[in-house]
Amino acid sequence: MTQKEGKTVFGPVEHPWFDPLWRRIVLVAFCAAWTGVEYSFGNTTWVYIMAAITAYAGWAYLVAYKGPDHADRQTRPRMEEDEG
């Protein structure tokens, strides 16, 4: 990931909806299952794409995820109702 003003390009991955561990595990498991489906159909390009997404999701949501009590946690600001 490239850094831009101290943040990754995709922004912080911490979000209150992902705080329960089971949701993060389900997300990574779904990506891994999708990789397996693409492999079973022989779609090599999509296997590589989904394997990369699975690896990033595993790292971001299971290894580097900062819980709600972590001091360095940054969450995305909520969008106001009138902003669109």
PDB file of N, CA and C in Angstrom:
ATOM      1  N   MET A   1       0.832  -1.172   0.000  1.00  0.00           N
ATOM      2  CA  MET A   1       0.000   0.000   0.000  1.00  0.00           C
ATOM      3  C   MET A   1       0.877   1.237   0.000  1.00  0.00           C
ATOM      4  N   THR A   2       0.462   2.184  -0.732  1.00  0.00           N
ATOM      5  CA  THR A   2       1.184   3.442  -0.708  1.00  0.00           C
ATOM      6  C   THR A   2       0.603   4.317   0.392  1.00  0.00           C
ATOM      7  N   GLN A   3       1.439   5.159   0.913  1.00  0.00           N
ATOM      8  CA  GLN A   3       1.011   6.043   1.980  1.00  0.00           C
ATOM      9  C   GLN A   3       0.751   7.435   1.423  1.00  0.00           C
ATOM     10  N   LYS A   4      -0.310   8.059   1.871  1.00  0.00           N
ATOM     11  CA  LYS A   4      -0.622   9.426   1.483  1.00  0.00           C
ATOM     12  C   LYS A   4      -1.093  10.149   2.734  1.00  0.00           C
ATOM     13  N   GLU A   5      -0.269  11.033   3.219  1.00  0.00           N
ATOM     14  CA  GLU A   5      -0.560  11.814   4.421  1.00  0.00           C
ATOM     15  C   GLU A   5      -0.873  10.917   5.616  1.00  0.00           C
ATOM     16  N   GLY A   6      -0.098   9.839   5.764  1.00  0.00           N
ATOM     17  CA  GLY A   6      -0.243   8.989   6.933  1.00  0.00           C
ATOM     18  C   GLY A   6      -1.357   7.977   6.862  1.00  0.00           C
ATOM     19  N   LYS A   7      -2.071   7.866   5.744  1.00  0.00           N
ATOM     20  CA  LYS A   7      -3.153   6.906   5.609  1.00  0.00           C
ATOM     21  C   LYS A   7      -2.913   6.052   4.379  1.00  0.00           C
ATOM     22  N   THR A   8      -3.420   4.841   4.399  1.00  0.00           N
ATOM     23  CA  THR A   8      -3.310   4.024   3.207  1.00  0.00           C
ATOM     24  C   THR A   8      -4.272   4.551   2.155  1.00  0.00           C
ATOM     25  N   VAL A   9      -4.096   4.117   0.930  1.00  0.00           N
ATOM     26  CA  VAL A   9      -4.930   4.590  -0.160  1.00  0.00           C
ATOM     27  C   VAL A   9      -6.396   4.246   0.083  1.00  0.00           C
ATOM     28  N   PHE A  10      -6.654   3.065   0.638  1.00  0.00           N
ATOM     29  CA  PHE A  10      -8.024   2.631   0.874  1.00  0.00           C
ATOM     30  C   PHE A  10      -8.613   3.203   2.152  1.00  0.00           C
ATOM     31  N   GLY A  11      -7.831   3.895   2.948  1.00  0.00           N
ATOM     32  CA  GLY A  11      -8.318   4.440   4.199  1.00  0.00           C
ATOM     33  C   GLY A  11      -8.245   3.404   5.303  1.00  0.00           C
ATOM     34  N   PRO A  12      -8.594   3.776   6.513  1.00  0.00           N
ATOM     35  CA  PRO A  12      -8.533   2.821   7.619  1.00  0.00           C
ATOM     36  C   PRO A  12      -9.591   1.734   7.445  1.00  0.00           C
ATOM     37  N   VAL A  13      -9.229   0.503   7.797  1.00  0.00           N
ATOM     38  CA  VAL A  13     -10.175  -0.602   7.659  1.00  0.00           C
ATOM     39  C   VAL A  13     -11.029  -0.778   8.909  1.00  0.00           C
ATOM     40  N   GLU A  14     -10.687  -0.110   9.975  1.00  0.00           N
ATOM     41  CA  GLU A  14     -11.451  -0.251  11.205  1.00  0.00           C
ATOM     42  C   GLU A  14     -12.823   0.388  11.049  1.00  0.00           C
ATOM     43  N   HIS A  15     -13.824  -0.372  11.351  1.00  0.00           N
ATOM     44  CA  HIS A  15     -15.196   0.118  11.307  1.00  0.00           C
ATOM     45  C   HIS A  15     -15.945  -0.577  12.434  1.00  0.00           C
ATOM     46  N   PRO A  16     -16.819   0.126  13.126  1.00  0.00           N
ATOM     47  CA  PRO A  16     -17.526  -0.505  14.250  1.00  0.00           C
ATOM     48  C   PRO A  16     -18.285  -1.773  13.869  1.00  0.00           C
ATOM     49  N   TRP A  17     -18.737  -1.891  12.634  1.00  0.00           N
ATOM     50  CA  TRP A  17     -19.476  -3.086  12.234  1.00  0.00           C
ATOM     51  C   TRP A  17     -18.574  -4.318  12.243  1.00  0.00           C
ATOM     52  N   PHE A  18     -17.269  -4.138  12.018  1.00  0.00           N
ATOM     53  CA  PHE A  18     -16.334  -5.253  11.994  1.00  0.00           C
ATOM     54  C   PHE A  18     -15.707  -5.547  13.352  1.00  0.00           C
ATOM     55  N   ASP A  19     -16.135  -4.893  14.410  1.00  0.00           N
ATOM     56  CA  ASP A  19     -15.541  -5.134  15.721  1.00  0.00           C
ATOM     57  C   ASP A  19     -15.721  -6.572  16.218  1.00  0.00           C
ATOM     58  N   PRO A  20     -16.881  -7.206  16.047  1.00  0.00           N
ATOM     59  CA  PRO A  20     -16.970  -8.613  16.468  1.00  0.00           C
ATOM     60  C   PRO A  20     -16.072  -9.499  15.598  1.00  0.00           C
ATOM     61  N   LEU A  21     -15.293 -10.353  16.239  1.00  0.00           N
ATOM     62  CA  LEU A  21     -14.337 -11.199  15.524  1.00  0.00           C
ATOM     63  C   LEU A  21     -15.026 -12.116  14.528  1.00  0.00           C
ATOM     64  N   TRP A  22     -16.199 -12.624  14.856  1.00  0.00           N
ATOM     65  CA  TRP A  22     -16.861 -13.575  13.970  1.00  0.00           C
ATOM     66  C   TRP A  22     -17.186 -12.957  12.619  1.00  0.00           C
ATOM     67  N   ARG A  23     -17.492 -11.673  12.564  1.00  0.00           N
ATOM     68  CA  ARG A  23     -17.786 -11.025  11.280  1.00  0.00           C
ATOM     69  C   ARG A  23     -16.544 -10.943  10.406  1.00  0.00           C
ATOM     70  N   ARG A  24     -15.410 -10.670  11.021  1.00  0.00           N
ATOM     71  CA  ARG A  24     -14.170 -10.604  10.258  1.00  0.00           C
ATOM     72  C   ARG A  24     -13.758 -11.982   9.763  1.00  0.00           C
ATOM     73  N   ILE A  25     -13.980 -13.015  10.578  1.00  0.00           N
ATOM     74  CA  ILE A  25     -13.673 -14.380  10.155  1.00  0.00           C
ATOM     75  C   ILE A  25     -14.572 -14.801   9.005  1.00  0.00           C
ATOM     76  N   VAL A  26     -15.858 -14.460   9.073  1.00  0.00           N
ATOM     77  CA  VAL A  26     -16.789 -14.799   7.995  1.00  0.00           C
ATOM     78  C   VAL A  26     -16.384 -14.101   6.702  1.00  0.00           C
ATOM     79  N   LEU A  27     -15.960 -12.859   6.779  1.00  0.00           N
ATOM     80  CA  LEU A  27     -15.528 -12.131   5.582  1.00  0.00           C
ATOM     81  C   LEU A  27     -14.339 -12.811   4.918  1.00  0.00           C
ATOM     82  N   VAL A  28     -13.335 -13.172   5.701  1.00  0.00           N
ATOM     83  CA  VAL A  28     -12.148 -13.825   5.149  1.00  0.00           C
ATOM     84  C   VAL A  28     -12.501 -15.222   4.641  1.00  0.00           C
ATOM     85  N   ALA A  29     -13.341 -15.938   5.363  1.00  0.00           N
ATOM     86  CA  ALA A  29     -13.748 -17.277   4.922  1.00  0.00           C
ATOM     87  C   ALA A  29     -14.536 -17.213   3.619  1.00  0.00           C
ATOM     88  N   PHE A  30     -15.387 -16.210   3.469  1.00  0.00           N
ATOM     89  CA  PHE A  30     -16.138 -16.047   2.231  1.00  0.00           C
ATOM     90  C   PHE A  30     -15.204 -15.786   1.057  1.00  0.00           C
ATOM     91  N   CYS A  31     -14.217 -14.934   1.255  1.00  0.00           N
ATOM     92  CA  CYS A  31     -13.241 -14.662   0.191  1.00  0.00           C
ATOM     93  C   CYS A  31     -12.458 -15.925  -0.164  1.00  0.00           C
ATOM     94  N   ALA A  32     -12.078 -16.705   0.852  1.00  0.00           N
ATOM     95  CA  ALA A  32     -11.348 -17.945   0.592  1.00  0.00           C
ATOM     96  C   ALA A  32     -12.229 -18.953  -0.141  1.00  0.00           C
ATOM     97  N   ALA A  33     -13.500 -19.037   0.229  1.00  0.00           N
ATOM     98  CA  ALA A  33     -14.425 -19.946  -0.453  1.00  0.00           C
ATOM     99  C   ALA A  33     -14.615 -19.525  -1.905  1.00  0.00           C
ATOM    100  N   TRP A  34     -14.717 -18.237  -2.131  1.00  0.00           N
ATOM    101  CA  TRP A  34     -14.872 -17.739  -3.500  1.00  0.00           C
ATOM    102  C   TRP A  34     -13.629 -18.077  -4.331  1.00  0.00           C
ATOM    103  N   THR A  35     -12.459 -17.992  -3.703  1.00  0.00           N
ATOM    104  CA  THR A  35     -11.232 -18.386  -4.384  1.00  0.00           C
ATOM    105  C   THR A  35     -11.302 -19.863  -4.771  1.00  0.00           C
ATOM    106  N   GLY A  36     -11.807 -20.691  -3.877  1.00  0.00           N
ATOM    107  CA  GLY A  36     -11.953 -22.112  -4.176  1.00  0.00           C
ATOM    108  C   GLY A  36     -12.933 -22.383  -5.300  1.00  0.00           C
ATOM    109  N   VAL A  37     -14.022 -21.625  -5.350  1.00  0.00           N
ATOM    110  CA  VAL A  37     -14.999 -21.778  -6.433  1.00  0.00           C
ATOM    111  C   VAL A  37     -14.361 -21.422  -7.767  1.00  0.00           C
ATOM    112  N   GLU A  38     -13.636 -20.324  -7.800  1.00  0.00           N
ATOM    113  CA  GLU A  38     -12.986 -19.931  -9.042  1.00  0.00           C
ATOM    114  C   GLU A  38     -11.943 -20.961  -9.468  1.00  0.00           C
ATOM    115  N   TYR A  39     -11.252 -21.545  -8.505  1.00  0.00           N
ATOM    116  CA  TYR A  39     -10.277 -22.591  -8.811  1.00  0.00           C
ATOM    117  C   TYR A  39     -10.965 -23.827  -9.393  1.00  0.00           C
ATOM    118  N   SER A  40     -12.107 -24.190  -8.821  1.00  0.00           N
ATOM    119  CA  SER A  40     -12.814 -25.378  -9.304  1.00  0.00           C
ATOM    120  C   SER A  40     -13.342 -25.189 -10.722  1.00  0.00           C
ATOM    121  N   PHE A  41     -13.642 -23.955 -11.118  1.00  0.00           N
ATOM    122  CA  PHE A  41     -14.091 -23.686 -12.483  1.00  0.00           C
ATOM    123  C   PHE A  41     -12.921 -23.456 -13.442  1.00  0.00           C
ATOM    124  N   GLY A  42     -11.702 -23.409 -12.917  1.00  0.00           N
ATOM    125  CA  GLY A  42     -10.527 -23.264 -13.764  1.00  0.00           C
ATOM    126  C   GLY A  42     -10.244 -21.848 -14.227  1.00  0.00           C
ATOM    127  N   ASN A  43     -10.781 -20.862 -13.530  1.00  0.00           N
ATOM    128  CA  ASN A  43     -10.561 -19.457 -13.885  1.00  0.00           C
ATOM    129  C   ASN A  43      -9.293 -18.950 -13.190  1.00  0.00           C
ATOM    130  N   THR A  44      -8.162 -19.182 -13.833  1.00  0.00           N
ATOM    131  CA  THR A  44      -6.872 -18.891 -13.210  1.00  0.00           C
ATOM    132  C   THR A  44      -6.711 -17.421 -12.840  1.00  0.00           C
ATOM    133  N   THR A  45      -7.130 -16.535 -13.717  1.00  0.00           N
ATOM    134  CA  THR A  45      -6.993 -15.108 -13.437  1.00  0.00           C
ATOM    135  C   THR A  45      -7.790 -14.717 -12.196  1.00  0.00           C
ATOM    136  N   TRP A  46      -9.030 -15.196 -12.099  1.00  0.00           N
ATOM    137  CA  TRP A  46      -9.852 -14.860 -10.942  1.00  0.00           C
ATOM    138  C   TRP A  46      -9.353 -15.534  -9.671  1.00  0.00           C
ATOM    139  N   VAL A  47      -8.700 -16.672  -9.808  1.00  0.00           N
ATOM    140  CA  VAL A  47      -8.096 -17.307  -8.633  1.00  0.00           C
ATOM    141  C   VAL A  47      -7.023 -16.395  -8.059  1.00  0.00           C
ATOM    142  N   TYR A  48      -6.168 -15.846  -8.933  1.00  0.00           N
ATOM    143  CA  TYR A  48      -5.123 -14.942  -8.450  1.00  0.00           C
ATOM    144  C   TYR A  48      -5.705 -13.665  -7.842  1.00  0.00           C
ATOM    145  N   ILE A  49      -6.722 -13.127  -8.486  1.00  0.00           N
ATOM    146  CA  ILE A  49      -7.352 -11.905  -7.966  1.00  0.00           C
ATOM    147  C   ILE A  49      -7.983 -12.163  -6.599  1.00  0.00           C
ATOM    148  N   MET A  50      -8.753 -13.247  -6.488  1.00  0.00           N
ATOM    149  CA  MET A  50      -9.425 -13.539  -5.221  1.00  0.00           C
ATOM    150  C   MET A  50      -8.437 -13.966  -4.142  1.00  0.00           C
ATOM    151  N   ALA A  51      -7.356 -14.636  -4.535  1.00  0.00           N
ATOM    152  CA  ALA A  51      -6.335 -15.003  -3.549  1.00  0.00           C
ATOM    153  C   ALA A  51      -5.675 -13.744  -2.981  1.00  0.00           C
ATOM    154  N   ALA A  52      -5.457 -12.755  -3.834  1.00  0.00           N
ATOM    155  CA  ALA A  52      -4.881 -11.493  -3.355  1.00  0.00           C
ATOM    156  C   ALA A  52      -5.854 -10.775  -2.428  1.00  0.00           C
ATOM    157  N   ILE A  53      -7.138 -10.762  -2.792  1.00  0.00           N
ATOM    158  CA  ILE A  53      -8.140 -10.130  -1.935  1.00  0.00           C
ATOM    159  C   ILE A  53      -8.238 -10.866  -0.601  1.00  0.00           C
ATOM    160  N   THR A  54      -8.213 -12.198  -0.647  1.00  0.00           N
ATOM    161  CA  THR A  54      -8.275 -12.986   0.583  1.00  0.00           C
ATOM    162  C   THR A  54      -7.068 -12.712   1.466  1.00  0.00           C
ATOM    163  N   ALA A  55      -5.890 -12.642   0.861  1.00  0.00           N
ATOM    164  CA  ALA A  55      -4.674 -12.370   1.642  1.00  0.00           C
ATOM    165  C   ALA A  55      -4.742 -10.981   2.282  1.00  0.00           C
ATOM    166  N   TYR A  56      -5.190  -9.987   1.526  1.00  0.00           N
ATOM    167  CA  TYR A  56      -5.298  -8.639   2.086  1.00  0.00           C
ATOM    168  C   TYR A  56      -6.339  -8.599   3.205  1.00  0.00           C
ATOM    169  N   ALA A  57      -7.498  -9.240   2.978  1.00  0.00           N
ATOM    170  CA  ALA A  57      -8.542  -9.252   4.007  1.00  0.00           C
ATOM    171  C   ALA A  57      -8.058  -9.971   5.257  1.00  0.00           C
ATOM    172  N   GLY A  58      -7.351 -11.075   5.084  1.00  0.00           N
ATOM    173  CA  GLY A  58      -6.819 -11.792   6.243  1.00  0.00           C
ATOM    174  C   GLY A  58      -5.840 -10.950   7.028  1.00  0.00           C
ATOM    175  N   TRP A  59      -4.965 -10.259   6.319  1.00  0.00           N
ATOM    176  CA  TRP A  59      -4.008  -9.410   7.019  1.00  0.00           C
ATOM    177  C   TRP A  59      -4.709  -8.226   7.690  1.00  0.00           C
ATOM    178  N   ALA A  60      -5.578  -7.539   6.944  1.00  0.00           N
ATOM    179  CA  ALA A  60      -6.190  -6.311   7.448  1.00  0.00           C
ATOM    180  C   ALA A  60      -7.202  -6.570   8.563  1.00  0.00           C
ATOM    181  N   TYR A  61      -8.004  -7.637   8.433  1.00  0.00           N
ATOM    182  CA  TYR A  61      -9.093  -7.849   9.389  1.00  0.00           C
ATOM    183  C   TYR A  61      -8.778  -8.847  10.489  1.00  0.00           C
ATOM    184  N   LEU A  62      -7.747  -9.677  10.321  1.00  0.00           N
ATOM    185  CA  LEU A  62      -7.422 -10.642  11.365  1.00  0.00           C
ATOM    186  C   LEU A  62      -6.093 -10.358  12.051  1.00  0.00           C
ATOM    187  N   VAL A  63      -5.129  -9.812  11.327  1.00  0.00           N
ATOM    188  CA  VAL A  63      -3.804  -9.589  11.912  1.00  0.00           C
ATOM    189  C   VAL A  63      -3.641  -8.149  12.391  1.00  0.00           C
ATOM    190  N   ALA A  64      -3.889  -7.186  11.517  1.00  0.00           N
ATOM    191  CA  ALA A  64      -3.589  -5.785  11.825  1.00  0.00           C
ATOM    192  C   ALA A  64      -4.801  -5.000  12.316  1.00  0.00           C
ATOM    193  N   TYR A  65      -5.939  -5.622  12.502  1.00  0.00           N
ATOM    194  CA  TYR A  65      -7.147  -4.907  12.905  1.00  0.00           C
ATOM    195  C   TYR A  65      -6.992  -4.376  14.318  1.00  0.00           C
ATOM    196  N   LYS A  66      -7.319  -3.117  14.493  1.00  0.00           N
ATOM    197  CA  LYS A  66      -7.241  -2.479  15.811  1.00  0.00           C
ATOM    198  C   LYS A  66      -8.641  -2.433  16.397  1.00  0.00           C
ATOM    199  N   GLY A  67      -8.803  -3.051  17.533  1.00  0.00           N
ATOM    200  CA  GLY A  67     -10.102  -3.127  18.177  1.00  0.00           C
ATOM    201  C   GLY A  67     -10.577  -1.781  18.704  1.00  0.00           C
ATOM    202  N   PRO A  68     -11.782  -1.749  19.253  1.00  0.00           N
ATOM    203  CA  PRO A  68     -12.345  -0.476  19.708  1.00  0.00           C
ATOM    204  C   PRO A  68     -11.601   0.147  20.882  1.00  0.00           C
ATOM    205  N   ASP A  69     -10.829  -0.655  21.606  1.00  0.00           N
ATOM    206  CA  ASP A  69     -10.097  -0.129  22.762  1.00  0.00           C
ATOM    207  C   ASP A  69      -8.672   0.294  22.427  1.00  0.00           C
ATOM    208  N   HIS A  70      -8.248   0.129  21.186  1.00  0.00           N
ATOM    209  CA  HIS A  70      -6.878   0.447  20.790  1.00  0.00           C
ATOM    210  C   HIS A  70      -6.714   1.964  20.689  1.00  0.00           C
ATOM    211  N   ALA A  71      -5.599   2.463  21.197  1.00  0.00           N
ATOM    212  CA  ALA A  71      -5.376   3.922  21.240  1.00  0.00           C
ATOM    213  C   ALA A  71      -5.149   4.530  19.861  1.00  0.00           C
ATOM    214  N   ASP A  72      -4.558   3.793  18.933  1.00  0.00           N
ATOM    215  CA  ASP A  72      -4.245   4.323  17.610  1.00  0.00           C
ATOM    216  C   ASP A  72      -5.343   4.093  16.579  1.00  0.00           C
ATOM    217  N   ARG A  73      -6.496   3.661  17.012  1.00  0.00           N
ATOM    218  CA  ARG A  73      -7.571   3.332  16.080  1.00  0.00           C
ATOM    219  C   ARG A  73      -8.078   4.573  15.360  1.00  0.00           C
ATOM    220  N   GLN A  74      -8.226   4.446  14.026  1.00  0.00           N
ATOM    221  CA  GLN A  74      -8.802   5.517  13.212  1.00  0.00           C
ATOM    222  C   GLN A  74      -9.981   4.922  12.454  1.00  0.00           C
ATOM    223  N   THR A  75     -11.120   5.525  12.577  1.00  0.00           N
ATOM    224  CA  THR A  75     -12.275   5.061  11.819  1.00  0.00           C
ATOM    225  C   THR A  75     -12.654   6.121  10.802  1.00  0.00           C
ATOM    226  N   ARG A  76     -13.350   5.696   9.793  1.00  0.00           N
ATOM    227  CA  ARG A  76     -13.813   6.651   8.797  1.00  0.00           C
ATOM    228  C   ARG A  76     -14.928   7.497   9.403  1.00  0.00           C
ATOM    229  N   PRO A  77     -14.955   8.788   9.097  1.00  0.00           N
ATOM    230  CA  PRO A  77     -16.032   9.624   9.636  1.00  0.00           C
ATOM    231  C   PRO A  77     -17.361   9.230   9.014  1.00  0.00           C
ATOM    232  N   ARG A  78     -18.416   9.374   9.780  1.00  0.00           N
ATOM    233  CA  ARG A  78     -19.746   9.058   9.263  1.00  0.00           C
ATOM    234  C   ARG A  78     -20.188  10.142   8.305  1.00  0.00           C
ATOM    235  N   MET A  79     -20.853   9.756   7.270  1.00  0.00           N
ATOM    236  CA  MET A  79     -21.361  10.732   6.295  1.00  0.00           C
ATOM    237  C   MET A  79     -22.665  11.302   6.834  1.00  0.00           C
ATOM    238  N   GLU A  80     -22.768  12.589   6.794  1.00  0.00           N
ATOM    239  CA  GLU A  80     -23.956  13.266   7.299  1.00  0.00           C
ATOM    240  C   GLU A  80     -25.128  13.018   6.341  1.00  0.00           C
ATOM    241  N   GLU A  81     -26.313  13.133   6.857  1.00  0.00           N
ATOM    242  CA  GLU A  81     -27.524  12.883   6.062  1.00  0.00           C
ATOM    243  C   GLU A  81     -27.633  13.807   4.856  1.00  0.00           C
ATOM    244  N   ASP A  82     -27.224  15.065   5.004  1.00  0.00           N
ATOM    245  CA  ASP A  82     -27.408  16.030   3.918  1.00  0.00           C
ATOM    246  C   ASP A  82     -26.247  16.040   2.914  1.00  0.00           C
ATOM    247  N   GLU A  83     -25.205  15.195   3.104  1.00  0.00           N
ATOM    248  CA  GLU A  83     -24.071  15.189   2.210  1.00  0.00           C
ATOM    249  C   GLU A  83     -24.280  14.318   0.979  1.00  0.00           C
ATOM    250  N   GLY A  84     -25.301  13.532   0.935  1.00  0.00           N
ATOM    251  CA  GLY A  84     -25.539  12.797  -0.275  1.00  0.00           C
ATOM    252  C   GLY A  84     -25.666  11.373  -0.090  1.00  0.00           C
TER     253      GLY A  84
END
